[in-house]
Amino acid sequence: MRIAFFVNSVVNETVGYTTTILALTATQRGHSVVYVEPGDFILRPDDSLAVSAVVVPDTPYKTPDKLFEALQEAARQKKTFAIGDIDILFLRNDPSLDATDRPWAANAGIMFGRLAAERGVVVVNDPDGLAQAQNKLYLQAFPEVVRPATLISRSIAEIRAFIDKQPKGCIVKPLQGSGGKNVFHIATPNDFNLNQIFEAASGEGYLIAQAYIPEAKTGDVRLFLMNGIPLQSGGSYAAFRRVPAKGDVRSNIHAAGTARKVKVTDKMLALAELVRPKLISDGMFLVGLDIVGDKLLEINVFTPGGLARLAAMYKTDFASSVVGALEEKLTQRRAYGMAIANARLAAL
């Protein structure tokens, strides 16, 4: 099969990204891999859809370093494909990275992903599902029991009143964003830095305030779900604990957090089961649940990362399970055609 990975920018990819590991695994299983960026789609006057892509040379790469080196070399030129020549379109961009400087690019994957799905390409995660999940408001669509008490507002008065009702303080962060940017822990509404915090965080739009969960001091747990089910390989769950750096409330790896092995508990599995029906309904093929205690802080549906780190931790190959699932989806598409809607096939 030919699998296209949709990313923000090929030159900004890294060796350790989950996308790199998935691409490596796909080539090792004999598949053709291309990379697509937000400006690469072409909708022609006859309503045909094409895409300009960076082609990863068909070579038996043994390490992600070698594939990444070949990808960067190949990025100097692109080849145009009819969309029918793409079997799988894997949307793995982070819209928040483009929201300020390239707002036109933030939704390109969703918009053209829909067109590709209408033309028979298997698109994961489903673009209609992703359209619902473009910010942290998506979590509010899940059962109340799985999430901490939350307020979403731009009103400082509302946020102060909310903080006042949280005996353990709260976390304030932008509704849109990723990587731990502008995430603050506020202990009391009398925090002397409160105005500065509001000013920094609200510059990106709405704020989300969540009741602080004390277990967050030891970090959160990233648990991967595939087709709504916790991802496993070799007897291990695809999960790790993200531990904050000393003096930092953020556990994001991009914010100097560190990753450690974790034992997946019955509470974590129960949370996964509670969110599974909606994730499947929304066509969410591969997601990352960020768990603290018995609550979900976020559901990462665009670019859940960490598969390379997990492979090294547990000495097992989670990426092969993911690519194998994509192979099965393509088999189903070829067998049943458009009788299976993309959203259903994406999480089947």
C-alpha atoms as a PDB file:
ATOM      1  CA  MET A   1       0.000   0.000   0.000  1.00  0.00           C
ATOM      2  CA  ARG A   2       1.009   3.652  -0.299  1.00  0.00           C
ATOM      3  CA  ILE A   3       0.627   5.540   2.964  1.00  0.00           C
ATOM      4  CA  ALA A   4       0.777   9.335   3.110  1.00  0.00           C
ATOM      5  CA  PHE A   5       1.676  10.997   6.410  1.00  0.00           C
ATOM      6  CA  PHE A   6       0.251  14.513   6.675  1.00  0.00           C
ATOM      7  CA  VAL A   7       2.552  16.707   8.813  1.00  0.00           C
ATOM      8  CA  ASN A   8       3.032  20.423   9.517  1.00  0.00           C
ATOM      9  CA  SER A   9       6.445  20.522   7.873  1.00  0.00           C
ATOM     10  CA  VAL A  10       8.785  17.818   6.613  1.00  0.00           C
ATOM     11  CA  VAL A  11      11.913  19.793   7.534  1.00  0.00           C
ATOM     12  CA  ASN A  12      10.662  20.158  11.111  1.00  0.00           C
ATOM     13  CA  GLU A  13      10.123  16.439  11.619  1.00  0.00           C
ATOM     14  CA  THR A  14      12.622  14.661  13.893  1.00  0.00           C
ATOM     15  CA  VAL A  15      14.130  11.199  14.174  1.00  0.00           C
ATOM     16  CA  GLY A  16      12.293  10.526  17.430  1.00  0.00           C
ATOM     17  CA  TYR A  17       8.816  11.455  16.265  1.00  0.00           C
ATOM     18  CA  THR A  18       6.167   8.748  16.290  1.00  0.00           C
ATOM     19  CA  THR A  19       5.508   9.539  12.624  1.00  0.00           C
ATOM     20  CA  THR A  20       9.122   8.629  11.797  1.00  0.00           C
ATOM     21  CA  ILE A  21       8.799   5.290  13.564  1.00  0.00           C
ATOM     22  CA  LEU A  22       5.530   4.524  11.806  1.00  0.00           C
ATOM     23  CA  ALA A  23       7.077   5.427   8.452  1.00  0.00           C
ATOM     24  CA  LEU A  24      10.078   3.195   9.168  1.00  0.00           C
ATOM     25  CA  THR A  25       7.832   0.291  10.107  1.00  0.00           C
ATOM     26  CA  ALA A  26       5.717   0.760   6.985  1.00  0.00           C
ATOM     27  CA  THR A  27       8.779   0.624   4.722  1.00  0.00           C
ATOM     28  CA  GLN A  28      10.073  -2.436   6.542  1.00  0.00           C
ATOM     29  CA  ARG A  29       6.741  -4.147   5.841  1.00  0.00           C
ATOM     30  CA  GLY A  30       7.127  -3.412   2.137  1.00  0.00           C
ATOM     31  CA  HIS A  31       4.896  -0.363   1.816  1.00  0.00           C
ATOM     32  CA  SER A  32       5.491   2.902  -0.037  1.00  0.00           C
ATOM     33  CA  VAL A  33       5.667   6.011   2.161  1.00  0.00           C
ATOM     34  CA  VAL A  34       5.152   9.667   1.219  1.00  0.00           C
ATOM     35  CA  TYR A  35       4.897  12.828   3.300  1.00  0.00           C
ATOM     36  CA  VAL A  36       2.341  15.575   2.647  1.00  0.00           C
ATOM     37  CA  GLU A  37       2.288  19.153   3.950  1.00  0.00           C
ATOM     38  CA  PRO A  38      -0.634  21.620   4.269  1.00  0.00           C
ATOM     39  CA  GLY A  39       0.028  23.315   0.929  1.00  0.00           C
ATOM     40  CA  ASP A  40       0.313  20.119  -1.114  1.00  0.00           C
ATOM     41  CA  PHE A  41      -3.302  19.400  -2.103  1.00  0.00           C
ATOM     42  CA  ILE A  42      -4.650  20.214  -5.565  1.00  0.00           C
ATOM     43  CA  LEU A  43      -8.374  20.237  -6.439  1.00  0.00           C
ATOM     44  CA  ARG A  44      -8.656  20.551 -10.212  1.00  0.00           C
ATOM     45  CA  PRO A  45     -11.519  21.989 -12.349  1.00  0.00           C
ATOM     46  CA  ASP A  46     -12.780  18.487 -13.157  1.00  0.00           C
ATOM     47  CA  ASP A  47     -13.181  17.890  -9.380  1.00  0.00           C
ATOM     48  CA  SER A  48     -10.260  15.463  -9.310  1.00  0.00           C
ATOM     49  CA  LEU A  49      -8.018  15.627  -6.260  1.00  0.00           C
ATOM     50  CA  ALA A  50      -4.249  15.326  -6.406  1.00  0.00           C
ATOM     51  CA  VAL A  51      -1.460  15.739  -3.916  1.00  0.00           C
ATOM     52  CA  SER A  52       2.162  16.779  -4.182  1.00  0.00           C
ATOM     53  CA  ALA A  53       4.292  14.678  -1.844  1.00  0.00           C
ATOM     54  CA  VAL A  54       7.808  13.984  -0.652  1.00  0.00           C
ATOM     55  CA  VAL A  55       8.551  10.372  -1.590  1.00  0.00           C
ATOM     56  CA  VAL A  56      10.634   8.304   0.797  1.00  0.00           C
ATOM     57  CA  PRO A  57      12.876   6.139  -1.441  1.00  0.00           C
ATOM     58  CA  ASP A  58      11.969   2.452  -1.353  1.00  0.00           C
ATOM     59  CA  THR A  59      14.958   1.130   0.560  1.00  0.00           C
ATOM     60  CA  PRO A  60      15.161  -1.422   3.396  1.00  0.00           C
ATOM     61  CA  TYR A  61      15.945   1.071   6.195  1.00  0.00           C
ATOM     62  CA  LYS A  62      17.169  -0.530   9.389  1.00  0.00           C
ATOM     63  CA  THR A  63      17.039   2.489  11.690  1.00  0.00           C
ATOM     64  CA  PRO A  64      14.923   5.648  12.007  1.00  0.00           C
ATOM     65  CA  ASP A  65      18.087   7.714  11.509  1.00  0.00           C
ATOM     66  CA  LYS A  66      18.590   6.295   8.022  1.00  0.00           C
ATOM     67  CA  LEU A  67      14.974   6.836   7.041  1.00  0.00           C
ATOM     68  CA  PHE A  68      15.018  10.369   8.416  1.00  0.00           C
ATOM     69  CA  GLU A  69      18.180  11.164   6.499  1.00  0.00           C
ATOM     70  CA  ALA A  70      16.587   9.880   3.282  1.00  0.00           C
ATOM     71  CA  LEU A  71      13.396  11.866   4.006  1.00  0.00           C
ATOM     72  CA  GLN A  72      15.285  15.133   4.390  1.00  0.00           C
ATOM     73  CA  GLU A  73      17.231  14.482   1.207  1.00  0.00           C
ATOM     74  CA  ALA A  74      14.024  13.649  -0.679  1.00  0.00           C
ATOM     75  CA  ALA A  75      12.337  16.832   0.599  1.00  0.00           C
ATOM     76  CA  ARG A  76      14.183  18.832  -2.071  1.00  0.00           C
ATOM     77  CA  GLN A  77      11.623  17.772  -4.643  1.00  0.00           C
ATOM     78  CA  LYS A  78       8.093  16.446  -4.724  1.00  0.00           C
ATOM     79  CA  LYS A  79       6.058  14.140  -6.924  1.00  0.00           C
ATOM     80  CA  THR A  80       2.392  14.658  -7.754  1.00  0.00           C
ATOM     81  CA  PHE A  81      -0.037  11.763  -7.246  1.00  0.00           C
ATOM     82  CA  ALA A  82      -3.697  11.382  -8.091  1.00  0.00           C
ATOM     83  CA  ILE A  83      -5.494  10.872  -4.789  1.00  0.00           C
ATOM     84  CA  GLY A  84      -6.520   7.405  -5.998  1.00  0.00           C
ATOM     85  CA  ASP A  85      -2.848   6.427  -5.848  1.00  0.00           C
ATOM     86  CA  ILE A  86      -2.871   7.022  -2.087  1.00  0.00           C
ATOM     87  CA  ASP A  87      -4.296   4.152  -0.044  1.00  0.00           C
ATOM     88  CA  ILE A  88      -3.994   5.552   3.488  1.00  0.00           C
ATOM     89  CA  LEU A  89      -3.877   9.220   4.497  1.00  0.00           C
ATOM     90  CA  PHE A  90      -2.679   9.488   8.101  1.00  0.00           C
ATOM     91  CA  LEU A  91      -3.381  12.978   9.481  1.00  0.00           C
ATOM     92  CA  ARG A  92      -0.588  13.687  11.975  1.00  0.00           C
ATOM     93  CA  ASN A  93      -0.262  17.460  12.018  1.00  0.00           C
ATOM     94  CA  ASP A  94      -0.648  19.706  15.059  1.00  0.00           C
ATOM     95  CA  PRO A  95      -3.084  22.496  14.070  1.00  0.00           C
ATOM     96  CA  SER A  96      -2.030  24.689  17.011  1.00  0.00           C
ATOM     97  CA  LEU A  97       1.468  25.055  15.532  1.00  0.00           C
ATOM     98  CA  ASP A  98       0.010  26.776  12.472  1.00  0.00           C
ATOM     99  CA  ALA A  99      -2.818  28.708  14.113  1.00  0.00           C
ATOM    100  CA  THR A 100      -0.887  31.977  14.490  1.00  0.00           C
ATOM    101  CA  ASP A 101       1.582  32.193  11.612  1.00  0.00           C
ATOM    102  CA  ARG A 102      -0.231  30.061   9.016  1.00  0.00           C
ATOM    103  CA  PRO A 103      -3.924  29.982   9.956  1.00  0.00           C
ATOM    104  CA  TRP A 104      -4.798  28.756   6.456  1.00  0.00           C
ATOM    105  CA  ALA A 105      -2.740  25.609   7.136  1.00  0.00           C
ATOM    106  CA  ALA A 106      -4.294  24.631  10.470  1.00  0.00           C
ATOM    107  CA  ASN A 107      -7.411  23.052   8.962  1.00  0.00           C
ATOM    108  CA  ALA A 108      -5.985  21.922   5.613  1.00  0.00           C
ATOM    109  CA  GLY A 109      -5.698  18.295   6.700  1.00  0.00           C
ATOM    110  CA  ILE A 110      -9.298  18.183   7.844  1.00  0.00           C
ATOM    111  CA  MET A 111     -10.680  19.936   4.749  1.00  0.00           C
ATOM    112  CA  PHE A 112      -8.765  17.939   2.161  1.00  0.00           C
ATOM    113  CA  GLY A 113      -8.927  14.784   4.282  1.00  0.00           C
ATOM    114  CA  ARG A 114     -12.692  14.913   3.868  1.00  0.00           C
ATOM    115  CA  LEU A 115     -12.315  15.182   0.101  1.00  0.00           C
ATOM    116  CA  ALA A 116      -9.876  12.260   0.076  1.00  0.00           C
ATOM    117  CA  ALA A 117     -12.247  10.128   2.161  1.00  0.00           C
ATOM    118  CA  GLU A 118     -15.109  10.928  -0.236  1.00  0.00           C
ATOM    119  CA  ARG A 119     -12.927   9.559  -3.037  1.00  0.00           C
ATOM    120  CA  GLY A 120     -12.256   6.251  -1.306  1.00  0.00           C
ATOM    121  CA  VAL A 121      -8.991   6.910   0.534  1.00  0.00           C
ATOM    122  CA  VAL A 122      -8.849   5.522   4.077  1.00  0.00           C
ATOM    123  CA  VAL A 123      -8.249   8.617   6.230  1.00  0.00           C
ATOM    124  CA  VAL A 124      -7.210   8.333   9.876  1.00  0.00           C
ATOM    125  CA  ASN A 125      -8.088   9.787  12.229  1.00  0.00           C
ATOM    126  CA  ASP A 126     -11.417  10.548  10.596  1.00  0.00           C
ATOM    127  CA  PRO A 127     -11.434  14.228   9.510  1.00  0.00           C
ATOM    128  CA  ASP A 128     -14.999  14.838  10.683  1.00  0.00           C
ATOM    129  CA  GLY A 129     -14.025  13.528  14.105  1.00  0.00           C
ATOM    130  CA  LEU A 130     -10.900  15.695  14.143  1.00  0.00           C
ATOM    131  CA  ALA A 131     -13.000  18.734  13.268  1.00  0.00           C
ATOM    132  CA  GLN A 132     -14.791  18.277  16.601  1.00  0.00           C
ATOM    133  CA  ALA A 133     -11.505  17.979  18.470  1.00  0.00           C
ATOM    134  CA  GLN A 134      -9.496  20.996  17.380  1.00  0.00           C
ATOM    135  CA  ASN A 135      -9.089  22.245  20.936  1.00  0.00           C
ATOM    136  CA  LYS A 136      -9.357  21.046  24.520  1.00  0.00           C
ATOM    137  CA  LEU A 137     -13.117  21.629  24.500  1.00  0.00           C
ATOM    138  CA  TYR A 138     -13.358  18.132  22.991  1.00  0.00           C
ATOM    139  CA  LEU A 139     -12.880  16.602  26.437  1.00  0.00           C
ATOM    140  CA  GLN A 140     -16.143  18.191  27.597  1.00  0.00           C
ATOM    141  CA  ALA A 141     -18.059  15.936  25.194  1.00  0.00           C
ATOM    142  CA  PHE A 142     -17.114  12.873  27.249  1.00  0.00           C
ATOM    143  CA  PRO A 143     -18.826  11.636  30.436  1.00  0.00           C
ATOM    144  CA  GLU A 144     -18.467  14.080  33.336  1.00  0.00           C
ATOM    145  CA  VAL A 145     -17.084  11.362  35.583  1.00  0.00           C
ATOM    146  CA  VAL A 146     -13.882  11.065  33.535  1.00  0.00           C
ATOM    147  CA  ARG A 147     -12.802  14.715  33.747  1.00  0.00           C
ATOM    148  CA  PRO A 148     -11.906  17.186  36.499  1.00  0.00           C
ATOM    149  CA  ALA A 149     -14.161  20.136  37.293  1.00  0.00           C
ATOM    150  CA  THR A 150     -13.621  22.553  34.417  1.00  0.00           C
ATOM    151  CA  LEU A 151     -14.436  26.145  33.479  1.00  0.00           C
ATOM    152  CA  ILE A 152     -13.909  27.606  30.006  1.00  0.00           C
ATOM    153  CA  SER A 153     -14.073  31.379  29.763  1.00  0.00           C
ATOM    154  CA  ARG A 154     -12.263  34.628  28.927  1.00  0.00           C
ATOM    155  CA  SER A 155     -13.725  36.361  31.963  1.00  0.00           C
ATOM    156  CA  ILE A 156     -11.158  36.962  34.692  1.00  0.00           C
ATOM    157  CA  ALA A 157     -13.978  37.372  37.211  1.00  0.00           C
ATOM    158  CA  GLU A 158     -15.423  33.966  36.299  1.00  0.00           C
ATOM    159  CA  ILE A 159     -12.021  32.310  36.531  1.00  0.00           C
ATOM    160  CA  ARG A 160     -11.264  33.944  39.902  1.00  0.00           C
ATOM    161  CA  ALA A 161     -14.598  32.708  41.243  1.00  0.00           C
ATOM    162  CA  PHE A 162     -13.858  29.209  39.957  1.00  0.00           C
ATOM    163  CA  ILE A 163     -10.405  29.175  41.568  1.00  0.00           C
ATOM    164  CA  ASP A 164     -11.953  30.316  44.840  1.00  0.00           C
ATOM    165  CA  LYS A 165     -14.066  27.130  44.896  1.00  0.00           C
ATOM    166  CA  GLN A 166     -11.116  24.792  44.327  1.00  0.00           C
ATOM    167  CA  PRO A 167      -9.525  23.941  47.693  1.00  0.00           C
ATOM    168  CA  LYS A 168      -6.500  22.393  45.991  1.00  0.00           C
ATOM    169  CA  GLY A 169      -6.031  25.119  43.410  1.00  0.00           C
ATOM    170  CA  CYS A 170      -6.348  24.764  39.668  1.00  0.00           C
ATOM    171  CA  ILE A 171      -4.534  24.612  36.359  1.00  0.00           C
ATOM    172  CA  VAL A 172      -5.059  27.413  33.835  1.00  0.00           C
ATOM    173  CA  LYS A 173      -4.065  27.028  30.187  1.00  0.00           C
ATOM    174  CA  PRO A 174      -5.164  28.144  26.716  1.00  0.00           C
ATOM    175  CA  LEU A 175      -8.100  26.271  25.226  1.00  0.00           C
ATOM    176  CA  GLN A 176      -6.007  25.844  22.088  1.00  0.00           C
ATOM    177  CA  GLY A 177      -2.372  24.850  22.282  1.00  0.00           C
ATOM    178  CA  SER A 178      -0.006  21.957  22.817  1.00  0.00           C
ATOM    179  CA  GLY A 179       3.376  21.033  24.231  1.00  0.00           C
ATOM    180  CA  GLY A 180       2.734  22.533  27.666  1.00  0.00           C
ATOM    181  CA  LYS A 181       2.847  26.154  26.467  1.00  0.00           C
ATOM    182  CA  ASN A 182       1.352  28.679  28.904  1.00  0.00           C
ATOM    183  CA  VAL A 183       0.221  26.103  31.456  1.00  0.00           C
ATOM    184  CA  PHE A 184       0.056  27.505  35.003  1.00  0.00           C
ATOM    185  CA  HIS A 185      -0.722  26.122  38.458  1.00  0.00           C
ATOM    186  CA  ILE A 186      -2.638  28.621  40.599  1.00  0.00           C
ATOM    187  CA  ALA A 187      -2.909  27.757  44.270  1.00  0.00           C
ATOM    188  CA  THR A 188      -5.334  30.507  45.357  1.00  0.00           C
ATOM    189  CA  PRO A 189      -7.296  33.364  43.768  1.00  0.00           C
ATOM    190  CA  ASN A 190      -4.980  35.716  45.664  1.00  0.00           C
ATOM    191  CA  ASP A 191      -1.886  34.571  43.780  1.00  0.00           C
ATOM    192  CA  PHE A 192       0.082  37.783  43.223  1.00  0.00           C
ATOM    193  CA  ASN A 193       0.968  36.732  39.657  1.00  0.00           C
ATOM    194  CA  LEU A 194      -2.618  36.042  38.663  1.00  0.00           C
ATOM    195  CA  ASN A 195      -3.068  39.035  36.376  1.00  0.00           C
ATOM    196  CA  GLN A 196       0.185  38.302  34.562  1.00  0.00           C
ATOM    197  CA  ILE A 197      -0.848  34.659  34.162  1.00  0.00           C
ATOM    198  CA  PHE A 198      -4.202  35.673  32.680  1.00  0.00           C
ATOM    199  CA  GLU A 199      -2.480  38.079  30.330  1.00  0.00           C
ATOM    200  CA  ALA A 200       0.012  35.451  29.115  1.00  0.00           C
ATOM    201  CA  ALA A 201      -2.479  32.622  28.685  1.00  0.00           C
ATOM    202  CA  SER A 202      -5.471  34.545  27.353  1.00  0.00           C
ATOM    203  CA  GLY A 203      -3.487  36.042  24.498  1.00  0.00           C
ATOM    204  CA  GLU A 204      -4.301  32.851  22.595  1.00  0.00           C
ATOM    205  CA  GLY A 205      -8.068  33.073  23.125  1.00  0.00           C
ATOM    206  CA  TYR A 206     -10.276  31.261  25.604  1.00  0.00           C
ATOM    207  CA  LEU A 207      -8.841  29.879  28.826  1.00  0.00           C
ATOM    208  CA  ILE A 208      -9.546  26.522  30.371  1.00  0.00           C
ATOM    209  CA  ALA A 209      -9.358  26.214  34.142  1.00  0.00           C
ATOM    210  CA  GLN A 210      -9.333  22.736  35.680  1.00  0.00           C
ATOM    211  CA  ALA A 211      -9.419  21.682  39.314  1.00  0.00           C
ATOM    212  CA  TYR A 212      -5.887  20.710  40.329  1.00  0.00           C
ATOM    213  CA  ILE A 213      -5.357  17.006  41.015  1.00  0.00           C
ATOM    214  CA  PRO A 214      -2.570  16.481  43.619  1.00  0.00           C
ATOM    215  CA  GLU A 215      -1.401  13.268  41.933  1.00  0.00           C
ATOM    216  CA  ALA A 216      -0.163  15.489  39.108  1.00  0.00           C
ATOM    217  CA  LYS A 217       2.975  16.144  41.180  1.00  0.00           C
ATOM    218  CA  THR A 218       4.218  12.722  40.091  1.00  0.00           C
ATOM    219  CA  GLY A 219       3.257  13.376  36.491  1.00  0.00           C
ATOM    220  CA  ASP A 220       0.564  12.098  34.179  1.00  0.00           C
ATOM    221  CA  VAL A 221       0.234   8.842  32.256  1.00  0.00           C
ATOM    222  CA  ARG A 222       0.033   8.757  28.471  1.00  0.00           C
ATOM    223  CA  LEU A 223      -1.944   5.678  27.416  1.00  0.00           C
ATOM    224  CA  PHE A 224      -2.352   4.914  23.714  1.00  0.00           C
ATOM    225  CA  LEU A 225      -5.641   3.622  22.395  1.00  0.00           C
ATOM    226  CA  MET A 226      -5.969   2.071  18.952  1.00  0.00           C
ATOM    227  CA  ASN A 227      -9.459   1.534  17.572  1.00  0.00           C
ATOM    228  CA  GLY A 228     -10.754   2.502  21.018  1.00  0.00           C
ATOM    229  CA  ILE A 229      -8.794  -0.240  22.801  1.00  0.00           C
ATOM    230  CA  PRO A 230      -5.570   0.133  24.866  1.00  0.00           C
ATOM    231  CA  LEU A 231      -2.672  -0.635  22.538  1.00  0.00           C
ATOM    232  CA  GLN A 232      -0.621  -3.669  23.559  1.00  0.00           C
ATOM    233  CA  SER A 233       2.360  -5.518  22.165  1.00  0.00           C
ATOM    234  CA  GLY A 234       4.504  -8.263  23.630  1.00  0.00           C
ATOM    235  CA  GLY A 235       2.445  -8.312  26.808  1.00  0.00           C
ATOM    236  CA  SER A 236       3.007  -4.593  27.501  1.00  0.00           C
ATOM    237  CA  TYR A 237       0.641  -1.670  27.258  1.00  0.00           C
ATOM    238  CA  ALA A 238       1.687   1.348  25.206  1.00  0.00           C
ATOM    239  CA  ALA A 239       1.823   3.647  28.225  1.00  0.00           C
ATOM    240  CA  PHE A 240       4.392   5.697  30.096  1.00  0.00           C
ATOM    241  CA  ARG A 241       4.465   8.179  32.941  1.00  0.00           C
ATOM    242  CA  ARG A 242       5.509  11.724  32.051  1.00  0.00           C
ATOM    243  CA  VAL A 243       7.277  13.205  35.085  1.00  0.00           C
ATOM    244  CA  PRO A 244       7.609  16.992  35.386  1.00  0.00           C
ATOM    245  CA  ALA A 245      11.009  18.611  35.715  1.00  0.00           C
ATOM    246  CA  LYS A 246      11.780  19.911  39.208  1.00  0.00           C
ATOM    247  CA  GLY A 247       9.834  23.091  39.882  1.00  0.00           C
ATOM    248  CA  ASP A 248       7.610  22.686  36.834  1.00  0.00           C
ATOM    249  CA  VAL A 249       3.915  21.797  36.801  1.00  0.00           C
ATOM    250  CA  ARG A 250       4.056  20.580  33.183  1.00  0.00           C
ATOM    251  CA  SER A 251       4.839  16.942  32.422  1.00  0.00           C
ATOM    252  CA  ASN A 252       5.058  17.363  28.629  1.00  0.00           C
ATOM    253  CA  ILE A 253       8.233  15.879  27.182  1.00  0.00           C
ATOM    254  CA  HIS A 254       8.659  19.084  25.125  1.00  0.00           C
ATOM    255  CA  ALA A 255       8.694  20.994  28.417  1.00  0.00           C
ATOM    256  CA  ALA A 256      11.605  18.960  29.884  1.00  0.00           C
ATOM    257  CA  GLY A 257       9.434  16.236  31.374  1.00  0.00           C
ATOM    258  CA  THR A 258      10.902  12.740  31.478  1.00  0.00           C
ATOM    259  CA  ALA A 259       9.319   9.435  30.508  1.00  0.00           C
ATOM    260  CA  ARG A 260       9.269   6.372  32.755  1.00  0.00           C
ATOM    261  CA  LYS A 261       7.686   2.951  32.723  1.00  0.00           C
ATOM    262  CA  VAL A 262       4.289   2.697  34.329  1.00  0.00           C
ATOM    263  CA  LYS A 263       1.969  -0.067  35.438  1.00  0.00           C
ATOM    264  CA  VAL A 264      -1.418   0.318  33.768  1.00  0.00           C
ATOM    265  CA  THR A 265      -4.051   0.033  36.503  1.00  0.00           C
ATOM    266  CA  ASP A 266      -7.658  -1.058  36.479  1.00  0.00           C
ATOM    267  CA  LYS A 267      -8.645   2.610  36.978  1.00  0.00           C
ATOM    268  CA  MET A 268      -6.840   3.586  33.790  1.00  0.00           C
ATOM    269  CA  LEU A 269      -8.457   0.768  31.851  1.00  0.00           C
ATOM    270  CA  ALA A 270     -11.866   1.760  33.242  1.00  0.00           C
ATOM    271  CA  LEU A 271     -11.325   5.328  31.999  1.00  0.00           C
ATOM    272  CA  ALA A 272     -10.400   4.000  28.584  1.00  0.00           C
ATOM    273  CA  GLU A 273     -13.571   1.935  28.497  1.00  0.00           C
ATOM    274  CA  LEU A 274     -15.718   4.955  29.382  1.00  0.00           C
ATOM    275  CA  VAL A 275     -14.374   7.056  26.504  1.00  0.00           C
ATOM    276  CA  ARG A 276     -14.216   4.203  23.989  1.00  0.00           C
ATOM    277  CA  PRO A 277     -17.766   4.521  22.539  1.00  0.00           C
ATOM    278  CA  LYS A 278     -17.377   8.167  21.534  1.00  0.00           C
ATOM    279  CA  LEU A 279     -13.851   7.693  20.206  1.00  0.00           C
ATOM    280  CA  ILE A 280     -15.091   4.886  17.984  1.00  0.00           C
ATOM    281  CA  SER A 281     -18.127   6.905  16.907  1.00  0.00           C
ATOM    282  CA  ASP A 282     -15.805   9.793  15.976  1.00  0.00           C
ATOM    283  CA  GLY A 283     -13.491   7.548  13.942  1.00  0.00           C
ATOM    284  CA  MET A 284     -10.482   8.026  16.213  1.00  0.00           C
ATOM    285  CA  PHE A 285      -7.974   5.375  15.180  1.00  0.00           C
ATOM    286  CA  LEU A 286      -4.935   6.315  17.287  1.00  0.00           C
ATOM    287  CA  VAL A 287      -5.168   8.599  20.324  1.00  0.00           C
ATOM    288  CA  GLY A 288      -3.283   9.300  23.518  1.00  0.00           C
ATOM    289  CA  LEU A 289      -5.122   9.613  26.838  1.00  0.00           C
ATOM    290  CA  ASP A 290      -3.390  11.835  29.408  1.00  0.00           C
ATOM    291  CA  ILE A 291      -4.421  10.515  32.808  1.00  0.00           C
ATOM    292  CA  VAL A 292      -3.880  11.799  36.353  1.00  0.00           C
ATOM    293  CA  GLY A 293      -5.370   9.753  39.178  1.00  0.00           C
ATOM    294  CA  ASP A 294      -8.784   8.659  37.979  1.00  0.00           C
ATOM    295  CA  LYS A 295      -9.320  11.605  35.628  1.00  0.00           C
ATOM    296  CA  LEU A 296      -8.489  12.520  32.041  1.00  0.00           C
ATOM    297  CA  LEU A 297      -6.703  15.824  31.515  1.00  0.00           C
ATOM    298  CA  GLU A 298      -6.603  15.663  27.729  1.00  0.00           C
ATOM    299  CA  ILE A 299      -7.233  13.392  24.767  1.00  0.00           C
ATOM    300  CA  ASN A 300      -4.563  13.867  22.107  1.00  0.00           C
ATOM    301  CA  VAL A 301      -6.135  12.933  18.783  1.00  0.00           C
ATOM    302  CA  PHE A 302      -3.863  14.760  16.340  1.00  0.00           C
ATOM    303  CA  THR A 303      -0.250  13.865  17.121  1.00  0.00           C
ATOM    304  CA  PRO A 304      -0.021  11.509  20.094  1.00  0.00           C
ATOM    305  CA  GLY A 305       3.683  10.884  20.492  1.00  0.00           C
ATOM    306  CA  GLY A 306       5.933   8.455  22.308  1.00  0.00           C
ATOM    307  CA  LEU A 307       5.899   5.176  20.353  1.00  0.00           C
ATOM    308  CA  ALA A 308       9.661   5.262  19.788  1.00  0.00           C
ATOM    309  CA  ARG A 309      10.239   5.884  23.479  1.00  0.00           C
ATOM    310  CA  LEU A 310       7.841   3.074  24.370  1.00  0.00           C
ATOM    311  CA  ALA A 311       9.594   0.635  22.043  1.00  0.00           C
ATOM    312  CA  ALA A 312      12.883   1.290  23.842  1.00  0.00           C
ATOM    313  CA  MET A 313      11.291   1.088  27.301  1.00  0.00           C
ATOM    314  CA  TYR A 314       9.464  -2.183  26.856  1.00  0.00           C
ATOM    315  CA  LYS A 315      11.618  -3.773  24.151  1.00  0.00           C
ATOM    316  CA  THR A 316       8.600  -4.360  21.950  1.00  0.00           C
ATOM    317  CA  ASP A 317       7.277  -3.088  18.633  1.00  0.00           C
ATOM    318  CA  PHE A 318       4.065  -1.106  19.014  1.00  0.00           C
ATOM    319  CA  ALA A 319       4.435   0.503  15.593  1.00  0.00           C
ATOM    320  CA  SER A 320       3.988  -2.833  13.821  1.00  0.00           C
ATOM    321  CA  SER A 321       0.606  -3.225  15.508  1.00  0.00           C
ATOM    322  CA  VAL A 322      -0.424   0.201  14.237  1.00  0.00           C
ATOM    323  CA  VAL A 323       0.709  -0.394  10.660  1.00  0.00           C
ATOM    324  CA  GLY A 324      -0.837  -3.872  10.734  1.00  0.00           C
ATOM    325  CA  ALA A 325      -4.167  -2.310  11.694  1.00  0.00           C
ATOM    326  CA  LEU A 326      -3.878   0.067   8.738  1.00  0.00           C
ATOM    327  CA  GLU A 327      -3.274  -2.896   6.445  1.00  0.00           C
ATOM    328  CA  GLU A 328      -6.466  -4.500   7.718  1.00  0.00           C
ATOM    329  CA  LYS A 329      -8.448  -1.298   7.130  1.00  0.00           C
ATOM    330  CA  LEU A 330      -7.252  -1.210   3.535  1.00  0.00           C
ATOM    331  CA  THR A 331      -8.267  -4.845   3.104  1.00  0.00           C
ATOM    332  CA  GLN A 332     -11.757  -3.961   4.349  1.00  0.00           C
ATOM    333  CA  ARG A 333     -11.967  -0.948   2.030  1.00  0.00           C
ATOM    334  CA  ARG A 334     -11.005  -3.056  -0.980  1.00  0.00           C
ATOM    335  CA  ALA A 335     -13.482  -5.760  -0.012  1.00  0.00           C
ATOM    336  CA  TYR A 336     -16.491  -3.549   0.759  1.00  0.00           C
ATOM    337  CA  GLY A 337     -15.715  -0.261  -0.983  1.00  0.00           C
ATOM    338  CA  MET A 338     -17.662   2.790   0.130  1.00  0.00           C
ATOM    339  CA  ALA A 339     -20.264   0.615   1.840  1.00  0.00           C
ATOM    340  CA  ILE A 340     -18.192   1.205   4.983  1.00  0.00           C
ATOM    341  CA  ALA A 341     -18.097   4.909   5.900  1.00  0.00           C
ATOM    342  CA  ASN A 342     -14.661   6.315   6.593  1.00  0.00           C
ATOM    343  CA  ALA A 343     -15.486   7.164  10.214  1.00  0.00           C
ATOM    344  CA  ARG A 344     -16.490   3.583  10.896  1.00  0.00           C
ATOM    345  CA  LEU A 345     -13.537   2.118   9.017  1.00  0.00           C
ATOM    346  CA  ALA A 346     -11.109   4.471  10.764  1.00  0.00           C
ATOM    347  CA  ALA A 347     -11.863   2.960  14.172  1.00  0.00           C
ATOM    348  CA  LEU A 348     -12.794  -0.558  13.031  1.00  0.00           C
END
